[in-house]
Amino acid sequence: MRLLLNNSDLKPVIILGAGGHAKVISEALNRSGTEILGFVAPDKNPGTLFMGRKILGDDQFINTFSPDDVLLANGIGALPGNKLRWLLAERMRRQGYSFISIFHPSAIIAMDVKFAEGVQVMAGAVIQPGTQVGRDSIINTGVLLDHDCKISENCHLAPGVVCSGNVKVGTGVHIGTGTSVIQNITIEKNAVVASGSVVYKDIANDMTFMQLHQINLIKKKG
């Protein structure tokens, strides 16, 4: 695990996207000593600066590099119902490219935690023993994962999420900011948990979990 916190001996990295999430992963990569070549973003002018580095062009620019010479970092944000992040990762992998796993140096991670390719662990996260995190999942700022949690691929645990021990999260799940999940809960694939929830029961596939006070608030706003 400690080796992953020093990326100075890895291949240089191209970041996909130039928005808010790209800023966050750029900061994490800078702090871990990774060489960043720049950003690719179809909505930005090539040659302009973003976070002190150049916009290199759109996604086609990546093809000027061999997959053996660079790694990619997925700077596309993850929002419920928007699959651009995951689709872009699949397309790049079909072309032979690999994604760097990103660990902010301030994260506290137990020595036996298992990570798949492309995982992103942001500042202030705490991940306890026995936990596993699947490919391309985001463990965002200040997330707390207690012992033996299982997070599948393509998940986003938004800032401030707290999972007690032995929580299981299926593929494609989005857990909103500030949510707390009690121990031994299973959240099945493609579920969405509203921000600020307290999850006290299992959540089935494709469900949106929203508590009564949140529903009433939406009705009042409407």
C-alpha atoms as a PDB file:
ATOM      1  CA  MET A   1       0.000   0.000   0.000  1.00  0.00           C
ATOM      2  CA  ARG A   2       2.747   2.474   0.862  1.00  0.00           C
ATOM      3  CA  LEU A   3       4.294   1.990  -2.578  1.00  0.00           C
ATOM      4  CA  LEU A   4       1.095   3.331  -4.118  1.00  0.00           C
ATOM      5  CA  LEU A   5       1.559   6.627  -2.293  1.00  0.00           C
ATOM      6  CA  ASN A   6       4.764   7.392  -4.210  1.00  0.00           C
ATOM      7  CA  ASN A   7       4.154   7.386  -7.947  1.00  0.00           C
ATOM      8  CA  SER A   8       7.397   9.036  -9.044  1.00  0.00           C
ATOM      9  CA  ASP A   9       8.584   5.819 -10.725  1.00  0.00           C
ATOM     10  CA  LEU A  10       5.380   5.281 -12.726  1.00  0.00           C
ATOM     11  CA  LYS A  11       4.583   6.266 -16.315  1.00  0.00           C
ATOM     12  CA  PRO A  12       3.435   9.845 -16.937  1.00  0.00           C
ATOM     13  CA  VAL A  13      -0.297  10.445 -16.683  1.00  0.00           C
ATOM     14  CA  ILE A  14      -2.897  12.101 -18.912  1.00  0.00           C
ATOM     15  CA  ILE A  15      -6.039  13.270 -17.093  1.00  0.00           C
ATOM     16  CA  LEU A  16      -9.403  12.860 -18.824  1.00  0.00           C
ATOM     17  CA  GLY A  17     -11.608  15.894 -18.256  1.00  0.00           C
ATOM     18  CA  ALA A  18     -11.012  19.409 -16.975  1.00  0.00           C
ATOM     19  CA  GLY A  19     -13.713  20.101 -14.412  1.00  0.00           C
ATOM     20  CA  GLY A  20     -14.101  19.932 -10.657  1.00  0.00           C
ATOM     21  CA  HIS A  21     -13.208  16.259 -10.211  1.00  0.00           C
ATOM     22  CA  ALA A  22     -10.191  16.651 -12.490  1.00  0.00           C
ATOM     23  CA  LYS A  23      -8.958  19.407 -10.154  1.00  0.00           C
ATOM     24  CA  VAL A  24      -9.179  17.068  -7.172  1.00  0.00           C
ATOM     25  CA  ILE A  25      -7.322  14.167  -8.755  1.00  0.00           C
ATOM     26  CA  SER A  26      -4.699  16.531 -10.179  1.00  0.00           C
ATOM     27  CA  GLU A  27      -3.991  17.725  -6.647  1.00  0.00           C
ATOM     28  CA  ALA A  28      -3.720  14.156  -5.359  1.00  0.00           C
ATOM     29  CA  LEU A  29      -1.359  13.152  -8.170  1.00  0.00           C
ATOM     30  CA  ASN A  30       0.804  16.221  -7.590  1.00  0.00           C
ATOM     31  CA  ARG A  31       1.170  15.367  -3.931  1.00  0.00           C
ATOM     32  CA  SER A  32       2.197  11.787  -4.706  1.00  0.00           C
ATOM     33  CA  GLY A  33       4.925  12.843  -7.124  1.00  0.00           C
ATOM     34  CA  THR A  34       3.255  11.768 -10.357  1.00  0.00           C
ATOM     35  CA  GLU A  35       4.263  13.351 -13.674  1.00  0.00           C
ATOM     36  CA  ILE A  36       1.155  14.840 -15.302  1.00  0.00           C
ATOM     37  CA  LEU A  37       1.403  15.502 -19.046  1.00  0.00           C
ATOM     38  CA  GLY A  38      -1.796  17.538 -19.138  1.00  0.00           C
ATOM     39  CA  PHE A  39      -5.558  17.268 -19.604  1.00  0.00           C
ATOM     40  CA  VAL A  40      -7.773  16.179 -22.486  1.00  0.00           C
ATOM     41  CA  ALA A  41     -11.183  17.853 -22.722  1.00  0.00           C
ATOM     42  CA  PRO A  42     -13.316  18.348 -25.855  1.00  0.00           C
ATOM     43  CA  ASP A  43     -14.898  21.533 -24.466  1.00  0.00           C
ATOM     44  CA  LYS A  44     -11.590  23.362 -23.821  1.00  0.00           C
ATOM     45  CA  ASN A  45      -9.205  25.079 -26.232  1.00  0.00           C
ATOM     46  CA  PRO A  46      -5.930  23.184 -26.726  1.00  0.00           C
ATOM     47  CA  GLY A  47      -2.950  25.040 -25.303  1.00  0.00           C
ATOM     48  CA  THR A  48      -4.883  26.860 -22.594  1.00  0.00           C
ATOM     49  CA  LEU A  49      -3.896  26.231 -18.983  1.00  0.00           C
ATOM     50  CA  PHE A  50      -5.888  24.342 -16.357  1.00  0.00           C
ATOM     51  CA  MET A  51      -4.442  23.770 -12.878  1.00  0.00           C
ATOM     52  CA  GLY A  52      -1.125  25.008 -14.232  1.00  0.00           C
ATOM     53  CA  ARG A  53      -0.938  22.445 -17.054  1.00  0.00           C
ATOM     54  CA  LYS A  54      -1.952  22.482 -20.706  1.00  0.00           C
ATOM     55  CA  ILE A  55      -5.159  21.301 -22.274  1.00  0.00           C
ATOM     56  CA  LEU A  56      -3.710  18.848 -24.778  1.00  0.00           C
ATOM     57  CA  GLY A  57      -6.755  18.429 -27.005  1.00  0.00           C
ATOM     58  CA  ASP A  58      -9.740  16.095 -27.081  1.00  0.00           C
ATOM     59  CA  ASP A  59      -9.777  12.344 -26.447  1.00  0.00           C
ATOM     60  CA  GLN A  60      -8.178  11.659 -29.829  1.00  0.00           C
ATOM     61  CA  PHE A  61      -4.935  13.186 -28.550  1.00  0.00           C
ATOM     62  CA  ILE A  62      -4.454  10.132 -26.339  1.00  0.00           C
ATOM     63  CA  ASN A  63      -3.974   7.983 -29.441  1.00  0.00           C
ATOM     64  CA  THR A  64      -0.719   9.814 -30.199  1.00  0.00           C
ATOM     65  CA  PHE A  65       0.758   7.830 -27.272  1.00  0.00           C
ATOM     66  CA  SER A  66       1.243   4.098 -27.085  1.00  0.00           C
ATOM     67  CA  PRO A  67      -0.620   2.430 -24.195  1.00  0.00           C
ATOM     68  CA  ASP A  68       2.812   1.222 -23.080  1.00  0.00           C
ATOM     69  CA  ASP A  69       4.043   4.783 -22.534  1.00  0.00           C
ATOM     70  CA  VAL A  70       1.304   6.500 -20.495  1.00  0.00           C
ATOM     71  CA  LEU A  71      -1.332   5.902 -17.857  1.00  0.00           C
ATOM     72  CA  LEU A  72      -4.738   7.576 -17.785  1.00  0.00           C
ATOM     73  CA  ALA A  73      -6.515   9.209 -14.843  1.00  0.00           C
ATOM     74  CA  ASN A  74     -10.285   9.564 -15.035  1.00  0.00           C
ATOM     75  CA  GLY A  75     -11.164  13.140 -14.130  1.00  0.00           C
ATOM     76  CA  ILE A  76     -14.806  12.876 -15.187  1.00  0.00           C
ATOM     77  CA  GLY A  77     -17.153  13.295 -12.233  1.00  0.00           C
ATOM     78  CA  ALA A  78     -19.757  10.718 -11.226  1.00  0.00           C
ATOM     79  CA  LEU A  79     -23.398  11.726 -10.889  1.00  0.00           C
ATOM     80  CA  PRO A  80     -26.530   9.542 -10.703  1.00  0.00           C
ATOM     81  CA  GLY A  81     -27.808   8.685 -14.165  1.00  0.00           C
ATOM     82  CA  ASN A  82     -24.697   9.986 -15.962  1.00  0.00           C
ATOM     83  CA  LYS A  83     -22.581   7.096 -17.232  1.00  0.00           C
ATOM     84  CA  LEU A  84     -20.046   9.141 -19.221  1.00  0.00           C
ATOM     85  CA  ARG A  85     -17.250   8.412 -16.729  1.00  0.00           C
ATOM     86  CA  TRP A  86     -17.704   4.643 -16.918  1.00  0.00           C
ATOM     87  CA  LEU A  87     -18.291   4.519 -20.702  1.00  0.00           C
ATOM     88  CA  LEU A  88     -15.133   6.532 -21.367  1.00  0.00           C
ATOM     89  CA  ALA A  89     -13.096   4.186 -19.174  1.00  0.00           C
ATOM     90  CA  GLU A  90     -14.429   1.156 -21.048  1.00  0.00           C
ATOM     91  CA  ARG A  91     -13.595   2.721 -24.417  1.00  0.00           C
ATOM     92  CA  MET A  92     -10.037   3.579 -23.378  1.00  0.00           C
ATOM     93  CA  ARG A  93      -9.449   0.077 -22.036  1.00  0.00           C
ATOM     94  CA  ARG A  94     -10.664  -1.454 -25.309  1.00  0.00           C
ATOM     95  CA  GLN A  95      -7.913   0.577 -26.984  1.00  0.00           C
ATOM     96  CA  GLY A  96      -5.360  -0.960 -24.617  1.00  0.00           C
ATOM     97  CA  TYR A  97      -4.897   1.892 -22.109  1.00  0.00           C
ATOM     98  CA  SER A  98      -4.727   1.427 -18.335  1.00  0.00           C
ATOM     99  CA  PHE A  99      -5.825   3.697 -15.502  1.00  0.00           C
ATOM    100  CA  ILE A 100      -3.722   4.753 -12.543  1.00  0.00           C
ATOM    101  CA  SER A 101      -5.117   4.193  -9.057  1.00  0.00           C
ATOM    102  CA  ILE A 102      -4.982   7.422  -7.057  1.00  0.00           C
ATOM    103  CA  PHE A 103      -4.438   7.706  -3.301  1.00  0.00           C
ATOM    104  CA  HIS A 104      -4.237  11.116  -1.673  1.00  0.00           C
ATOM    105  CA  PRO A 105      -1.347  11.056   0.835  1.00  0.00           C
ATOM    106  CA  SER A 106      -3.652  12.185   3.654  1.00  0.00           C
ATOM    107  CA  ALA A 107      -5.851   9.099   3.321  1.00  0.00           C
ATOM    108  CA  ILE A 108      -5.467   6.503   6.095  1.00  0.00           C
ATOM    109  CA  ILE A 109      -5.587   3.008   4.638  1.00  0.00           C
ATOM    110  CA  ALA A 110      -5.114  -0.326   6.399  1.00  0.00           C
ATOM    111  CA  MET A 111      -2.317  -2.485   5.050  1.00  0.00           C
ATOM    112  CA  ASP A 112      -4.562  -5.345   3.901  1.00  0.00           C
ATOM    113  CA  VAL A 113      -7.099  -3.298   1.900  1.00  0.00           C
ATOM    114  CA  LYS A 114      -7.478  -4.553  -1.683  1.00  0.00           C
ATOM    115  CA  PHE A 115      -7.912  -2.141  -4.599  1.00  0.00           C
ATOM    116  CA  ALA A 116      -8.638  -2.818  -8.261  1.00  0.00           C
ATOM    117  CA  GLU A 117      -7.329  -0.720 -11.167  1.00  0.00           C
ATOM    118  CA  GLY A 118      -8.462   2.881 -11.461  1.00  0.00           C
ATOM    119  CA  VAL A 119      -9.671   3.339  -7.882  1.00  0.00           C
ATOM    120  CA  GLN A 120      -9.541   6.904  -6.547  1.00  0.00           C
ATOM    121  CA  VAL A 121      -9.217   7.569  -2.801  1.00  0.00           C
ATOM    122  CA  MET A 122      -9.431  11.248  -1.973  1.00  0.00           C
ATOM    123  CA  ALA A 123      -8.163  13.453   0.861  1.00  0.00           C
ATOM    124  CA  GLY A 124      -9.059  12.516   4.418  1.00  0.00           C
ATOM    125  CA  ALA A 125     -10.587   9.126   3.628  1.00  0.00           C
ATOM    126  CA  VAL A 126     -10.177   6.346   6.203  1.00  0.00           C
ATOM    127  CA  ILE A 127     -10.374   2.718   5.047  1.00  0.00           C
ATOM    128  CA  GLN A 128     -10.167   0.001   7.680  1.00  0.00           C
ATOM    129  CA  PRO A 129      -8.925  -3.632   7.521  1.00  0.00           C
ATOM    130  CA  GLY A 130     -10.615  -6.256   5.386  1.00  0.00           C
ATOM    131  CA  THR A 131     -12.104  -3.773   2.934  1.00  0.00           C
ATOM    132  CA  GLN A 132     -12.123  -4.213  -0.852  1.00  0.00           C
ATOM    133  CA  VAL A 133     -12.739  -1.525  -3.486  1.00  0.00           C
ATOM    134  CA  GLY A 134     -13.591  -2.426  -7.100  1.00  0.00           C
ATOM    135  CA  ARG A 135     -12.365  -1.020 -10.383  1.00  0.00           C
ATOM    136  CA  ASP A 136     -12.859   2.699 -11.102  1.00  0.00           C
ATOM    137  CA  SER A 137     -14.755   3.402  -7.881  1.00  0.00           C
ATOM    138  CA  ILE A 138     -14.369   6.795  -6.186  1.00  0.00           C
ATOM    139  CA  ILE A 139     -13.904   6.980  -2.423  1.00  0.00           C
ATOM    140  CA  ASN A 140     -14.336  10.717  -2.162  1.00  0.00           C
ATOM    141  CA  THR A 141     -13.181  13.345   0.320  1.00  0.00           C
ATOM    142  CA  GLY A 142     -13.560  12.355   3.971  1.00  0.00           C
ATOM    143  CA  VAL A 143     -15.267   8.998   3.377  1.00  0.00           C
ATOM    144  CA  LEU A 144     -15.021   6.539   6.280  1.00  0.00           C
ATOM    145  CA  LEU A 145     -15.142   2.806   5.512  1.00  0.00           C
ATOM    146  CA  ASP A 146     -14.981   0.551   8.534  1.00  0.00           C
ATOM    147  CA  HIS A 147     -13.813  -3.070   8.582  1.00  0.00           C
ATOM    148  CA  ASP A 148     -14.732  -5.637   5.924  1.00  0.00           C
ATOM    149  CA  CYS A 149     -16.672  -3.354   3.594  1.00  0.00           C
ATOM    150  CA  LYS A 150     -16.983  -4.542  -0.010  1.00  0.00           C
ATOM    151  CA  ILE A 151     -17.345  -1.780  -2.605  1.00  0.00           C
ATOM    152  CA  SER A 152     -17.906  -3.057  -6.162  1.00  0.00           C
ATOM    153  CA  GLU A 153     -16.798  -1.419  -9.411  1.00  0.00           C
ATOM    154  CA  ASN A 154     -18.063   1.886 -10.847  1.00  0.00           C
ATOM    155  CA  CYS A 155     -19.314   3.167  -7.486  1.00  0.00           C
ATOM    156  CA  HIS A 156     -19.195   6.714  -6.155  1.00  0.00           C
ATOM    157  CA  LEU A 157     -19.161   7.308  -2.419  1.00  0.00           C
ATOM    158  CA  ALA A 158     -19.564  11.079  -2.260  1.00  0.00           C
ATOM    159  CA  PRO A 159     -17.815  13.302   0.313  1.00  0.00           C
ATOM    160  CA  GLY A 160     -18.522  12.501   3.940  1.00  0.00           C
ATOM    161  CA  VAL A 161     -20.118   9.075   3.472  1.00  0.00           C
ATOM    162  CA  VAL A 162     -19.752   6.791   6.497  1.00  0.00           C
ATOM    163  CA  CYS A 163     -20.091   3.013   6.195  1.00  0.00           C
ATOM    164  CA  SER A 164     -19.980   0.904   9.342  1.00  0.00           C
ATOM    165  CA  GLY A 165     -18.518  -2.600   9.303  1.00  0.00           C
ATOM    166  CA  ASN A 166     -19.357  -5.243   6.711  1.00  0.00           C
ATOM    167  CA  VAL A 167     -21.326  -3.002   4.337  1.00  0.00           C
ATOM    168  CA  LYS A 168     -21.652  -4.412   0.807  1.00  0.00           C
ATOM    169  CA  VAL A 169     -22.141  -2.044  -2.124  1.00  0.00           C
ATOM    170  CA  GLY A 170     -23.007  -3.373  -5.593  1.00  0.00           C
ATOM    171  CA  THR A 171     -21.796  -2.269  -9.014  1.00  0.00           C
ATOM    172  CA  GLY A 172     -22.759   1.221 -10.164  1.00  0.00           C
ATOM    173  CA  VAL A 173     -24.079   2.481  -6.812  1.00  0.00           C
ATOM    174  CA  HIS A 174     -24.089   6.204  -5.972  1.00  0.00           C
ATOM    175  CA  ILE A 175     -24.163   7.114  -2.269  1.00  0.00           C
ATOM    176  CA  GLY A 176     -24.829  10.818  -1.739  1.00  0.00           C
ATOM    177  CA  THR A 177     -22.886  13.291   0.362  1.00  0.00           C
ATOM    178  CA  GLY A 178     -23.060  12.892   4.135  1.00  0.00           C
ATOM    179  CA  THR A 179     -24.887   9.554   4.132  1.00  0.00           C
ATOM    180  CA  SER A 180     -24.423   7.082   7.003  1.00  0.00           C
ATOM    181  CA  VAL A 181     -24.843   3.343   6.464  1.00  0.00           C
ATOM    182  CA  ILE A 182     -25.193   1.100   9.519  1.00  0.00           C
ATOM    183  CA  GLN A 183     -23.370  -2.222   9.846  1.00  0.00           C
ATOM    184  CA  ASN A 184     -24.138  -5.339   7.756  1.00  0.00           C
ATOM    185  CA  ILE A 185     -26.205  -3.484   5.136  1.00  0.00           C
ATOM    186  CA  THR A 186     -26.255  -4.529   1.464  1.00  0.00           C
ATOM    187  CA  ILE A 187     -26.870  -1.928  -1.242  1.00  0.00           C
ATOM    188  CA  GLU A 188     -27.395  -3.737  -4.529  1.00  0.00           C
ATOM    189  CA  LYS A 189     -26.293  -2.677  -8.010  1.00  0.00           C
ATOM    190  CA  ASN A 190     -27.254   0.655  -9.614  1.00  0.00           C
ATOM    191  CA  ALA A 191     -29.004   1.925  -6.489  1.00  0.00           C
ATOM    192  CA  VAL A 192     -28.929   5.634  -5.636  1.00  0.00           C
ATOM    193  CA  VAL A 193     -28.879   6.854  -2.037  1.00  0.00           C
ATOM    194  CA  ALA A 194     -29.927  10.475  -1.504  1.00  0.00           C
ATOM    195  CA  SER A 195     -27.544  12.847   0.264  1.00  0.00           C
ATOM    196  CA  GLY A 196     -27.855  12.982   4.047  1.00  0.00           C
ATOM    197  CA  SER A 197     -29.576   9.612   4.358  1.00  0.00           C
ATOM    198  CA  VAL A 198     -29.296   7.140   7.208  1.00  0.00           C
ATOM    199  CA  VAL A 199     -29.416   3.688   5.621  1.00  0.00           C
ATOM    200  CA  TYR A 200     -30.808   1.195   8.129  1.00  0.00           C
ATOM    201  CA  LYS A 201     -32.106  -1.508   5.751  1.00  0.00           C
ATOM    202  CA  ASP A 202     -30.933  -3.275   2.605  1.00  0.00           C
ATOM    203  CA  ILE A 203     -31.539  -1.519  -0.723  1.00  0.00           C
ATOM    204  CA  ALA A 204     -32.506  -3.527  -3.820  1.00  0.00           C
ATOM    205  CA  ASN A 205     -31.206  -3.218  -7.392  1.00  0.00           C
ATOM    206  CA  ASP A 206     -31.949   0.083  -9.177  1.00  0.00           C
ATOM    207  CA  MET A 207     -33.774   1.589  -6.207  1.00  0.00           C
ATOM    208  CA  THR A 208     -33.520   5.210  -5.096  1.00  0.00           C
ATOM    209  CA  PHE A 209     -33.382   5.437  -1.302  1.00  0.00           C
ATOM    210  CA  MET A 210     -34.839   8.653   0.054  1.00  0.00           C
ATOM    211  CA  GLN A 211     -36.189   9.228   3.543  1.00  0.00           C
ATOM    212  CA  LEU A 212     -39.550  10.791   4.374  1.00  0.00           C
ATOM    213  CA  HIS A 213     -38.233  14.212   5.381  1.00  0.00           C
ATOM    214  CA  GLN A 214     -36.321  14.410   2.082  1.00  0.00           C
ATOM    215  CA  ILE A 215     -39.467  13.589   0.081  1.00  0.00           C
ATOM    216  CA  ASN A 216     -41.453  16.234   1.949  1.00  0.00           C
ATOM    217  CA  LEU A 217     -38.728  18.805   1.261  1.00  0.00           C
ATOM    218  CA  ILE A 218     -38.884  18.077  -2.468  1.00  0.00           C
ATOM    219  CA  LYS A 219     -42.680  18.441  -2.437  1.00  0.00           C
ATOM    220  CA  LYS A 220     -42.435  21.829  -0.714  1.00  0.00           C
ATOM    221  CA  LYS A 221     -39.895  23.065  -3.243  1.00  0.00           C
ATOM    222  CA  GLY A 222     -42.086  21.859  -6.096  1.00  0.00           C
END
